[in-house]
């Protein structure tokens, strides 16, 4: 009996749930590497139906959206807000000391 779970398939199923996607993005943001956050956001986009579906909802072209969220991308805050809003997620800010306190809890 094969008990191996395909990582990508599991991740897509996990990220299809908005609350899990928000936690995943928060974790990626805490790493402090913007490229890592963009990669995580691309995973959420894929799990939630892909770039074509998202592009229609945010009224951007698919290529422009894909480029903005690529490793070389530099999306505007308004673009990030529009993308996240589609998934019911918003950007938040926390004091550095809060982050350390949350990890210890």
PDB file of N, CA and C in Angstrom:
ATOM      1  N   UNK A   1       0.847  -1.178   0.000  1.00  0.00           N
ATOM      2  CA  UNK A   1       0.000   0.000   0.000  1.00  0.00           C
ATOM      3  C   UNK A   1       0.895   1.245   0.000  1.00  0.00           C
ATOM      4  N   UNK A   2       0.657   2.144  -0.930  1.00  0.00           N
ATOM      5  CA  UNK A   2       1.441   3.365  -1.069  1.00  0.00           C
ATOM      6  C   UNK A   2       0.866   4.456  -0.170  1.00  0.00           C
ATOM      7  N   UNK A   3       1.661   4.917   0.797  1.00  0.00           N
ATOM      8  CA  UNK A   3       1.208   5.951   1.736  1.00  0.00           C
ATOM      9  C   UNK A   3       1.843   7.304   1.438  1.00  0.00           C
ATOM     10  N   UNK A   4       2.443   7.446   0.298  1.00  0.00           N
ATOM     11  CA  UNK A   4       3.079   8.701  -0.080  1.00  0.00           C
ATOM     12  C   UNK A   4       2.003   9.674  -0.562  1.00  0.00           C
ATOM     13  N   UNK A   5       2.088  10.899  -0.063  1.00  0.00           N
ATOM     14  CA  UNK A   5       1.152  11.941  -0.464  1.00  0.00           C
ATOM     15  C   UNK A   5       1.909  12.922  -1.349  1.00  0.00           C
ATOM     16  N   UNK A   6       1.356  13.214  -2.508  1.00  0.00           N
ATOM     17  CA  UNK A   6       1.963  14.190  -3.400  1.00  0.00           C
ATOM     18  C   UNK A   6       1.912  15.565  -2.723  1.00  0.00           C
ATOM     19  N   UNK A   7       3.086  16.153  -2.520  1.00  0.00           N
ATOM     20  CA  UNK A   7       3.180  17.429  -1.805  1.00  0.00           C
ATOM     21  C   UNK A   7       2.370  18.529  -2.491  1.00  0.00           C
ATOM     22  N   UNK A   8       2.528  18.657  -3.795  1.00  0.00           N
ATOM     23  CA  UNK A   8       1.841  19.725  -4.517  1.00  0.00           C
ATOM     24  C   UNK A   8       0.318  19.564  -4.412  1.00  0.00           C
ATOM     25  N   UNK A   9      -0.154  18.358  -4.565  1.00  0.00           N
ATOM     26  CA  UNK A   9      -1.598  18.109  -4.487  1.00  0.00           C
ATOM     27  C   UNK A   9      -2.115  18.444  -3.078  1.00  0.00           C
ATOM     28  N   UNK A  10      -1.357  18.027  -2.068  1.00  0.00           N
ATOM     29  CA  UNK A  10      -1.744  18.338  -0.689  1.00  0.00           C
ATOM     30  C   UNK A  10      -1.777  19.848  -0.472  1.00  0.00           C
ATOM     31  N   UNK A  11      -0.729  20.552  -0.941  1.00  0.00           N
ATOM     32  CA  UNK A  11      -0.648  22.000  -0.771  1.00  0.00           C
ATOM     33  C   UNK A  11      -1.831  22.696  -1.437  1.00  0.00           C
ATOM     34  N   UNK A  12      -2.191  22.270  -2.631  1.00  0.00           N
ATOM     35  CA  UNK A  12      -3.305  22.894  -3.342  1.00  0.00           C
ATOM     36  C   UNK A  12      -4.623  22.670  -2.601  1.00  0.00           C
ATOM     37  N   UNK A  13      -4.816  21.496  -2.054  1.00  0.00           N
ATOM     38  CA  UNK A  13      -6.023  21.208  -1.274  1.00  0.00           C
ATOM     39  C   UNK A  13      -6.046  22.053  -0.007  1.00  0.00           C
ATOM     40  N   UNK A  14      -4.897  22.146   0.656  1.00  0.00           N
ATOM     41  CA  UNK A  14      -4.762  22.932   1.884  1.00  0.00           C
ATOM     42  C   UNK A  14      -5.043  24.408   1.619  1.00  0.00           C
ATOM     43  N   UNK A  15      -4.455  24.952   0.557  1.00  0.00           N
ATOM     44  CA  UNK A  15      -4.583  26.378   0.261  1.00  0.00           C
ATOM     45  C   UNK A  15      -5.924  26.760  -0.359  1.00  0.00           C
ATOM     46  N   UNK A  16      -6.743  25.786  -0.688  1.00  0.00           N
ATOM     47  CA  UNK A  16      -8.076  26.076  -1.216  1.00  0.00           C
ATOM     48  C   UNK A  16      -8.983  26.633  -0.124  1.00  0.00           C
ATOM     49  N   UNK A  17      -8.604  26.437   1.129  1.00  0.00           N
ATOM     50  CA  UNK A  17      -9.379  26.951   2.262  1.00  0.00           C
ATOM     51  C   UNK A  17      -8.834  28.341   2.620  1.00  0.00           C
ATOM     52  N   UNK A  18      -9.673  29.377   2.566  1.00  0.00           N
ATOM     53  CA  UNK A  18      -9.201  30.744   2.802  1.00  0.00           C
ATOM     54  C   UNK A  18      -8.438  30.936   4.113  1.00  0.00           C
ATOM     55  N   UNK A  19      -8.905  30.327   5.192  1.00  0.00           N
ATOM     56  CA  UNK A  19      -8.221  30.514   6.474  1.00  0.00           C
ATOM     57  C   UNK A  19      -6.833  29.876   6.470  1.00  0.00           C
ATOM     58  N   UNK A  20      -6.676  28.776   5.742  1.00  0.00           N
ATOM     59  CA  UNK A  20      -5.369  28.123   5.622  1.00  0.00           C
ATOM     60  C   UNK A  20      -4.455  28.952   4.722  1.00  0.00           C
ATOM     61  N   UNK A  21      -5.025  29.520   3.656  1.00  0.00           N
ATOM     62  CA  UNK A  21      -4.247  30.363   2.748  1.00  0.00           C
ATOM     63  C   UNK A  21      -3.726  31.596   3.484  1.00  0.00           C
ATOM     64  N   UNK A  22      -4.558  32.199   4.333  1.00  0.00           N
ATOM     65  CA  UNK A  22      -4.135  33.380   5.098  1.00  0.00           C
ATOM     66  C   UNK A  22      -2.997  33.021   6.051  1.00  0.00           C
ATOM     67  N   UNK A  23      -3.109  31.893   6.729  1.00  0.00           N
ATOM     68  CA  UNK A  23      -2.053  31.463   7.653  1.00  0.00           C
ATOM     69  C   UNK A  23      -0.755  31.186   6.896  1.00  0.00           C
ATOM     70  N   UNK A  24      -0.865  30.573   5.743  1.00  0.00           N
ATOM     71  CA  UNK A  24       0.293  30.266   4.893  1.00  0.00           C
ATOM     72  C   UNK A  24       0.991  31.556   4.456  1.00  0.00           C
ATOM     73  N   UNK A  25       0.206  32.545   4.036  1.00  0.00           N
ATOM     74  CA  UNK A  25       0.782  33.814   3.600  1.00  0.00           C
ATOM     75  C   UNK A  25       1.414  34.567   4.776  1.00  0.00           C
ATOM     76  N   UNK A  26       0.787  34.518   5.942  1.00  0.00           N
ATOM     77  CA  UNK A  26       1.389  35.146   7.128  1.00  0.00           C
ATOM     78  C   UNK A  26       2.725  34.508   7.455  1.00  0.00           C
ATOM     79  N   UNK A  27       2.781  33.213   7.372  1.00  0.00           N
ATOM     80  CA  UNK A  27       4.029  32.503   7.652  1.00  0.00           C
ATOM     81  C   UNK A  27       5.113  32.903   6.646  1.00  0.00           C
ATOM     82  N   UNK A  28       4.734  32.978   5.385  1.00  0.00           N
ATOM     83  CA  UNK A  28       5.691  33.378   4.342  1.00  0.00           C
ATOM     84  C   UNK A  28       6.161  34.813   4.561  1.00  0.00           C
ATOM     85  N   UNK A  29       5.256  35.693   4.955  1.00  0.00           N
ATOM     86  CA  UNK A  29       5.606  37.097   5.185  1.00  0.00           C
ATOM     87  C   UNK A  29       6.567  37.234   6.360  1.00  0.00           C
ATOM     88  N   UNK A  30       6.410  36.404   7.366  1.00  0.00           N
ATOM     89  CA  UNK A  30       7.276  36.472   8.538  1.00  0.00           C
ATOM     90  C   UNK A  30       8.724  36.093   8.218  1.00  0.00           C
ATOM     91  N   UNK A  31       8.925  35.388   7.122  1.00  0.00           N
ATOM     92  CA  UNK A  31      10.287  35.027   6.728  1.00  0.00           C
ATOM     93  C   UNK A  31      11.094  36.258   6.316  1.00  0.00           C
ATOM     94  N   UNK A  32      10.397  37.317   5.897  1.00  0.00           N
ATOM     95  CA  UNK A  32      11.065  38.563   5.564  1.00  0.00           C
ATOM     96  C   UNK A  32      11.639  38.637   4.161  1.00  0.00           C
ATOM     97  N   UNK A  33      11.406  37.629   3.346  1.00  0.00           N
ATOM     98  CA  UNK A  33      11.906  37.618   1.966  1.00  0.00           C
ATOM     99  C   UNK A  33      10.714  37.822   1.032  1.00  0.00           C
ATOM    100  N   UNK A  34      10.665  38.994   0.379  1.00  0.00           N
ATOM    101  CA  UNK A  34       9.519  39.326  -0.456  1.00  0.00           C
ATOM    102  C   UNK A  34       9.329  38.334  -1.601  1.00  0.00           C
ATOM    103  N   UNK A  35      10.412  37.830  -2.166  1.00  0.00           N
ATOM    104  CA  UNK A  35      10.300  36.839  -3.249  1.00  0.00           C
ATOM    105  C   UNK A  35       9.640  35.562  -2.745  1.00  0.00           C
ATOM    106  N   UNK A  36       9.928  35.186  -1.519  1.00  0.00           N
ATOM    107  CA  UNK A  36       9.312  34.009  -0.908  1.00  0.00           C
ATOM    108  C   UNK A  36       7.809  34.245  -0.736  1.00  0.00           C
ATOM    109  N   UNK A  37       7.446  35.447  -0.331  1.00  0.00           N
ATOM    110  CA  UNK A  37       6.030  35.790  -0.181  1.00  0.00           C
ATOM    111  C   UNK A  37       5.319  35.739  -1.528  1.00  0.00           C
ATOM    112  N   UNK A  38       5.955  36.263  -2.574  1.00  0.00           N
ATOM    113  CA  UNK A  38       5.337  36.220  -3.906  1.00  0.00           C
ATOM    114  C   UNK A  38       5.138  34.786  -4.378  1.00  0.00           C
ATOM    115  N   UNK A  39       6.100  33.913  -4.113  1.00  0.00           N
ATOM    116  CA  UNK A  39       5.963  32.496  -4.477  1.00  0.00           C
ATOM    117  C   UNK A  39       4.788  31.878  -3.720  1.00  0.00           C
ATOM    118  N   UNK A  40       4.668  32.203  -2.441  1.00  0.00           N
ATOM    119  CA  UNK A  40       3.551  31.694  -1.644  1.00  0.00           C
ATOM    120  C   UNK A  40       2.224  32.206  -2.202  1.00  0.00           C
ATOM    121  N   UNK A  41       2.185  33.467  -2.592  1.00  0.00           N
ATOM    122  CA  UNK A  41       0.963  34.037  -3.158  1.00  0.00           C
ATOM    123  C   UNK A  41       0.601  33.352  -4.477  1.00  0.00           C
ATOM    124  N   UNK A  42       1.605  33.045  -5.290  1.00  0.00           N
ATOM    125  CA  UNK A  42       1.344  32.316  -6.534  1.00  0.00           C
ATOM    126  C   UNK A  42       0.751  30.938  -6.233  1.00  0.00           C
ATOM    127  N   UNK A  43       1.215  30.292  -5.179  1.00  0.00           N
ATOM    128  CA  UNK A  43       0.637  29.001  -4.794  1.00  0.00           C
ATOM    129  C   UNK A  43      -0.827  29.151  -4.398  1.00  0.00           C
ATOM    130  N   UNK A  44      -1.144  30.221  -3.673  1.00  0.00           N
ATOM    131  CA  UNK A  44      -2.532  30.478  -3.282  1.00  0.00           C
ATOM    132  C   UNK A  44      -3.381  30.722  -4.522  1.00  0.00           C
ATOM    133  N   UNK A  45      -2.869  31.515  -5.458  1.00  0.00           N
ATOM    134  CA  UNK A  45      -3.600  31.795  -6.697  1.00  0.00           C
ATOM    135  C   UNK A  45      -3.903  30.488  -7.428  1.00  0.00           C
ATOM    136  N   UNK A  46      -2.907  29.632  -7.545  1.00  0.00           N
ATOM    137  CA  UNK A  46      -3.109  28.350  -8.222  1.00  0.00           C
ATOM    138  C   UNK A  46      -4.170  27.515  -7.507  1.00  0.00           C
ATOM    139  N   UNK A  47      -4.092  27.452  -6.197  1.00  0.00           N
ATOM    140  CA  UNK A  47      -5.028  26.639  -5.422  1.00  0.00           C
ATOM    141  C   UNK A  47      -6.454  27.178  -5.488  1.00  0.00           C
ATOM    142  N   UNK A  48      -6.575  28.484  -5.693  1.00  0.00           N
ATOM    143  CA  UNK A  48      -7.893  29.117  -5.710  1.00  0.00           C
ATOM    144  C   UNK A  48      -8.489  29.240  -7.114  1.00  0.00           C
ATOM    145  N   UNK A  49      -7.870  28.601  -8.102  1.00  0.00           N
ATOM    146  CA  UNK A  49      -8.470  28.605  -9.431  1.00  0.00           C
ATOM    147  C   UNK A  49      -7.593  29.137 -10.544  1.00  0.00           C
ATOM    148  N   UNK A  50      -6.428  29.697 -10.212  1.00  0.00           N
ATOM    149  CA  UNK A  50      -5.492  30.100 -11.246  1.00  0.00           C
ATOM    150  C   UNK A  50      -5.531  31.570 -11.626  1.00  0.00           C
ATOM    151  N   UNK A  51      -4.571  31.917 -12.462  1.00  0.00           N
ATOM    152  CA  UNK A  51      -4.374  33.310 -12.868  1.00  0.00           C
ATOM    153  C   UNK A  51      -5.466  33.830 -13.792  1.00  0.00           C
ATOM    154  N   UNK A  52      -6.003  32.993 -14.650  1.00  0.00           N
ATOM    155  CA  UNK A  52      -7.051  33.449 -15.569  1.00  0.00           C
ATOM    156  C   UNK A  52      -8.280  33.896 -14.789  1.00  0.00           C
ATOM    157  N   UNK A  53      -8.686  33.078 -13.841  1.00  0.00           N
ATOM    158  CA  UNK A  53      -9.849  33.404 -13.007  1.00  0.00           C
ATOM    159  C   UNK A  53      -9.582  34.662 -12.181  1.00  0.00           C
ATOM    160  N   UNK A  54      -8.393  34.751 -11.593  1.00  0.00           N
ATOM    161  CA  UNK A  54      -8.046  35.911 -10.782  1.00  0.00           C
ATOM    162  C   UNK A  54      -7.989  37.177 -11.628  1.00  0.00           C
ATOM    163  N   UNK A  55      -7.391  37.090 -12.804  1.00  0.00           N
ATOM    164  CA  UNK A  55      -7.262  38.259 -13.678  1.00  0.00           C
ATOM    165  C   UNK A  55      -8.628  38.858 -14.004  1.00  0.00           C
ATOM    166  N   UNK A  56      -9.608  37.998 -14.246  1.00  0.00           N
ATOM    167  CA  UNK A  56     -10.959  38.492 -14.517  1.00  0.00           C
ATOM    168  C   UNK A  56     -11.513  39.248 -13.313  1.00  0.00           C
ATOM    169  N   UNK A  57     -11.283  38.693 -12.120  1.00  0.00           N
ATOM    170  CA  UNK A  57     -11.840  39.297 -10.907  1.00  0.00           C
ATOM    171  C   UNK A  57     -11.176  40.608 -10.535  1.00  0.00           C
ATOM    172  N   UNK A  58      -9.884  40.757 -10.794  1.00  0.00           N
ATOM    173  CA  UNK A  58      -9.188  42.002 -10.445  1.00  0.00           C
ATOM    174  C   UNK A  58      -9.085  42.960 -11.625  1.00  0.00           C
ATOM    175  N   UNK A  59      -9.621  42.529 -12.760  1.00  0.00           N
ATOM    176  CA  UNK A  59      -9.647  43.352 -13.976  1.00  0.00           C
ATOM    177  C   UNK A  59      -8.257  43.771 -14.422  1.00  0.00           C
ATOM    178  N   UNK A  60      -7.374  42.780 -14.481  1.00  0.00           N
ATOM    179  CA  UNK A  60      -6.024  42.971 -15.013  1.00  0.00           C
ATOM    180  C   UNK A  60      -5.816  41.904 -16.071  1.00  0.00           C
ATOM    181  N   UNK A  61      -4.859  42.144 -16.959  1.00  0.00           N
ATOM    182  CA  UNK A  61      -4.548  41.098 -17.924  1.00  0.00           C
ATOM    183  C   UNK A  61      -3.802  39.990 -17.200  1.00  0.00           C
ATOM    184  N   UNK A  62      -3.989  38.773 -17.668  1.00  0.00           N
ATOM    185  CA  UNK A  62      -3.316  37.634 -17.055  1.00  0.00           C
ATOM    186  C   UNK A  62      -1.798  37.798 -17.109  1.00  0.00           C
ATOM    187  N   UNK A  63      -1.212  38.183 -18.266  1.00  0.00           N
ATOM    188  CA  UNK A  63       0.246  38.359 -18.307  1.00  0.00           C
ATOM    189  C   UNK A  63       0.762  39.425 -17.331  1.00  0.00           C
ATOM    190  N   UNK A  64       0.034  40.534 -17.195  1.00  0.00           N
ATOM    191  CA  UNK A  64       0.455  41.591 -16.271  1.00  0.00           C
ATOM    192  C   UNK A  64       0.414  41.106 -14.828  1.00  0.00           C
ATOM    193  N   UNK A  65      -0.624  40.386 -14.502  1.00  0.00           N
ATOM    194  CA  UNK A  65      -0.767  39.856 -13.158  1.00  0.00           C
ATOM    195  C   UNK A  65       0.314  38.825 -12.864  1.00  0.00           C
ATOM    196  N   UNK A  66       0.551  37.944 -13.815  1.00  0.00           N
ATOM    197  CA  UNK A  66       1.569  36.915 -13.637  1.00  0.00           C
ATOM    198  C   UNK A  66       2.950  37.561 -13.460  1.00  0.00           C
ATOM    199  N   UNK A  67       3.232  38.586 -14.256  1.00  0.00           N
ATOM    200  CA  UNK A  67       4.520  39.285 -14.155  1.00  0.00           C
ATOM    201  C   UNK A  67       4.654  39.984 -12.805  1.00  0.00           C
ATOM    202  N   UNK A  68       3.597  40.619 -12.335  1.00  0.00           N
ATOM    203  CA  UNK A  68       3.639  41.320 -11.050  1.00  0.00           C
ATOM    204  C   UNK A  68       3.930  40.379  -9.895  1.00  0.00           C
ATOM    205  N   UNK A  69       3.451  39.142  -9.985  1.00  0.00           N
ATOM    206  CA  UNK A  69       3.639  38.183  -8.898  1.00  0.00           C
ATOM    207  C   UNK A  69       4.800  37.230  -9.133  1.00  0.00           C
ATOM    208  N   UNK A  70       5.580  37.483 -10.169  1.00  0.00           N
ATOM    209  CA  UNK A  70       6.737  36.630 -10.447  1.00  0.00           C
ATOM    210  C   UNK A  70       7.885  36.971  -9.500  1.00  0.00           C
ATOM    211  N   UNK A  71       8.930  36.150  -9.506  1.00  0.00           N
ATOM    212  CA  UNK A  71      10.099  36.413  -8.653  1.00  0.00           C
ATOM    213  C   UNK A  71      10.725  37.768  -8.951  1.00  0.00           C
ATOM    214  N   UNK A  72      10.656  38.193 -10.206  1.00  0.00           N
ATOM    215  CA  UNK A  72      11.207  39.498 -10.587  1.00  0.00           C
ATOM    216  C   UNK A  72      10.175  40.605 -10.433  1.00  0.00           C
ATOM    217  N   UNK A  73       8.962  40.238 -10.046  1.00  0.00           N
ATOM    218  CA  UNK A  73       7.882  41.208  -9.940  1.00  0.00           C
ATOM    219  C   UNK A  73       8.074  42.179  -8.791  1.00  0.00           C
ATOM    220  N   UNK A  74       7.429  43.305  -8.938  1.00  0.00           N
ATOM    221  CA  UNK A  74       7.449  44.328  -7.904  1.00  0.00           C
ATOM    222  C   UNK A  74       6.047  44.935  -7.856  1.00  0.00           C
ATOM    223  N   UNK A  75       5.078  44.151  -7.375  1.00  0.00           N
ATOM    224  CA  UNK A  75       3.688  44.613  -7.433  1.00  0.00           C
ATOM    225  C   UNK A  75       3.444  45.808  -6.515  1.00  0.00           C
ATOM    226  N   UNK A  76       2.558  46.663  -6.945  1.00  0.00           N
ATOM    227  CA  UNK A  76       2.150  47.783  -6.110  1.00  0.00           C
ATOM    228  C   UNK A  76       1.284  47.244  -4.980  1.00  0.00           C
ATOM    229  N   UNK A  77       1.225  47.987  -3.905  1.00  0.00           N
ATOM    230  CA  UNK A  77       0.397  47.580  -2.768  1.00  0.00           C
ATOM    231  C   UNK A  77      -1.056  47.426  -3.216  1.00  0.00           C
ATOM    232  N   UNK A  78      -1.508  48.302  -4.097  1.00  0.00           N
ATOM    233  CA  UNK A  78      -2.893  48.220  -4.570  1.00  0.00           C
ATOM    234  C   UNK A  78      -3.147  46.912  -5.316  1.00  0.00           C
ATOM    235  N   UNK A  79      -2.147  46.415  -6.035  1.00  0.00           N
ATOM    236  CA  UNK A  79      -2.284  45.128  -6.726  1.00  0.00           C
ATOM    237  C   UNK A  79      -2.384  43.997  -5.713  1.00  0.00           C
ATOM    238  N   UNK A  80      -1.507  44.010  -4.718  1.00  0.00           N
ATOM    239  CA  UNK A  80      -1.556  42.984  -3.678  1.00  0.00           C
ATOM    240  C   UNK A  80      -2.893  43.019  -2.942  1.00  0.00           C
ATOM    241  N   UNK A  81      -3.363  44.213  -2.611  1.00  0.00           N
ATOM    242  CA  UNK A  81      -4.643  44.338  -1.925  1.00  0.00           C
ATOM    243  C   UNK A  81      -5.787  43.788  -2.768  1.00  0.00           C
ATOM    244  N   UNK A  82      -5.788  44.089  -4.059  1.00  0.00           N
ATOM    245  CA  UNK A  82      -6.844  43.609  -4.953  1.00  0.00           C
ATOM    246  C   UNK A  82      -6.828  42.087  -5.050  1.00  0.00           C
ATOM    247  N   UNK A  83      -5.631  41.518  -5.178  1.00  0.00           N
ATOM    248  CA  UNK A  83      -5.511  40.058  -5.269  1.00  0.00           C
ATOM    249  C   UNK A  83      -5.988  39.415  -3.980  1.00  0.00           C
ATOM    250  N   UNK A  84      -5.508  39.888  -2.862  1.00  0.00           N
ATOM    251  CA  UNK A  84      -5.872  39.297  -1.578  1.00  0.00           C
ATOM    252  C   UNK A  84      -7.356  39.451  -1.271  1.00  0.00           C
ATOM    253  N   UNK A  85      -7.932  40.568  -1.679  1.00  0.00           N
ATOM    254  CA  UNK A  85      -9.364  40.806  -1.436  1.00  0.00           C
ATOM    255  C   UNK A  85     -10.224  39.734  -2.101  1.00  0.00           C
ATOM    256  N   UNK A  86      -9.806  39.281  -3.268  1.00  0.00           N
ATOM    257  CA  UNK A  86     -10.540  38.216  -3.975  1.00  0.00           C
ATOM    258  C   UNK A  86     -10.684  36.989  -3.086  1.00  0.00           C
ATOM    259  N   UNK A  87      -9.670  36.726  -2.277  1.00  0.00           N
ATOM    260  CA  UNK A  87      -9.659  35.536  -1.427  1.00  0.00           C
ATOM    261  C   UNK A  87     -10.106  35.819   0.009  1.00  0.00           C
ATOM    262  N   UNK A  88     -10.573  37.042   0.252  1.00  0.00           N
ATOM    263  CA  UNK A  88     -11.039  37.398   1.588  1.00  0.00           C
ATOM    264  C   UNK A  88      -9.909  37.587   2.582  1.00  0.00           C
ATOM    265  N   UNK A  89      -8.740  37.978   2.094  1.00  0.00           N
ATOM    266  CA  UNK A  89      -7.555  38.170   2.930  1.00  0.00           C
ATOM    267  C   UNK A  89      -7.129  39.626   2.810  1.00  0.00           C
ATOM    268  N   UNK A  90      -6.615  40.188   3.892  1.00  0.00           N
ATOM    269  CA  UNK A  90      -6.124  41.564   3.831  1.00  0.00           C
ATOM    270  C   UNK A  90      -4.726  41.645   4.430  1.00  0.00           C
ATOM    271  N   UNK A  91      -4.015  42.684   4.066  1.00  0.00           N
ATOM    272  CA  UNK A  91      -2.670  42.931   4.577  1.00  0.00           C
ATOM    273  C   UNK A  91      -2.787  43.512   5.983  1.00  0.00           C
ATOM    274  N   UNK A  92      -1.916  43.078   6.884  1.00  0.00           N
ATOM    275  CA  UNK A  92      -1.903  43.600   8.246  1.00  0.00           C
ATOM    276  C   UNK A  92      -0.489  43.983   8.655  1.00  0.00           C
ATOM    277  N   UNK A  93      -0.389  44.766   9.695  1.00  0.00           N
ATOM    278  CA  UNK A  93       0.900  45.193  10.209  1.00  0.00           C
ATOM    279  C   UNK A  93       0.957  44.898  11.701  1.00  0.00           C
ATOM    280  N   UNK A  94       2.130  44.448  12.154  1.00  0.00           N
ATOM    281  CA  UNK A  94       2.304  44.090  13.549  1.00  0.00           C
ATOM    282  C   UNK A  94       3.638  44.622  14.040  1.00  0.00           C
ATOM    283  N   UNK A  95       3.700  44.964  15.291  1.00  0.00           N
ATOM    284  CA  UNK A  95       4.958  45.380  15.886  1.00  0.00           C
ATOM    285  C   UNK A  95       5.909  44.200  15.922  1.00  0.00           C
ATOM    286  N   UNK A  96       7.172  44.459  15.737  1.00  0.00           N
ATOM    287  CA  UNK A  96       8.185  43.405  15.758  1.00  0.00           C
ATOM    288  C   UNK A  96       8.109  42.606  17.051  1.00  0.00           C
ATOM    289  N   UNK A  97       7.904  43.277  18.173  1.00  0.00           N
ATOM    290  CA  UNK A  97       7.844  42.558  19.452  1.00  0.00           C
ATOM    291  C   UNK A  97       6.647  41.622  19.510  1.00  0.00           C
ATOM    292  N   UNK A  98       5.540  41.960  18.841  1.00  0.00           N
ATOM    293  CA  UNK A  98       4.370  41.070  18.798  1.00  0.00           C
ATOM    294  C   UNK A  98       4.708  39.774  18.103  1.00  0.00           C
ATOM    295  N   UNK A  99       5.508  39.842  17.042  1.00  0.00           N
ATOM    296  CA  UNK A  99       5.879  38.650  16.292  1.00  0.00           C
ATOM    297  C   UNK A  99       6.658  37.688  17.190  1.00  0.00           C
ATOM    298  N   UNK A 100       7.576  38.223  17.973  1.00  0.00           N
ATOM    299  CA  UNK A 100       8.356  37.378  18.872  1.00  0.00           C
ATOM    300  C   UNK A 100       7.469  36.797  19.970  1.00  0.00           C
ATOM    301  N   UNK A 101       6.531  37.585  20.427  1.00  0.00           N
ATOM    302  CA  UNK A 101       5.627  37.114  21.477  1.00  0.00           C
ATOM    303  C   UNK A 101       4.727  35.998  20.947  1.00  0.00           C
ATOM    304  N   UNK A 102       4.232  36.142  19.722  1.00  0.00           N
ATOM    305  CA  UNK A 102       3.357  35.107  19.134  1.00  0.00           C
ATOM    306  C   UNK A 102       4.101  33.796  18.947  1.00  0.00           C
ATOM    307  N   UNK A 103       5.367  33.859  18.598  1.00  0.00           N
ATOM    308  CA  UNK A 103       6.157  32.632  18.405  1.00  0.00           C
ATOM    309  C   UNK A 103       6.363  31.913  19.729  1.00  0.00           C
ATOM    310  N   UNK A 104       6.516  32.682  20.811  1.00  0.00           N
ATOM    311  CA  UNK A 104       6.787  32.067  22.114  1.00  0.00           C
ATOM    312  C   UNK A 104       5.521  31.436  22.692  1.00  0.00           C
ATOM    313  N   UNK A 105       4.380  31.941  22.283  1.00  0.00           N
ATOM    314  CA  UNK A 105       3.110  31.446  22.828  1.00  0.00           C
ATOM    315  C   UNK A 105       2.770  30.065  22.329  1.00  0.00           C
TER     316      UNK A 105
END
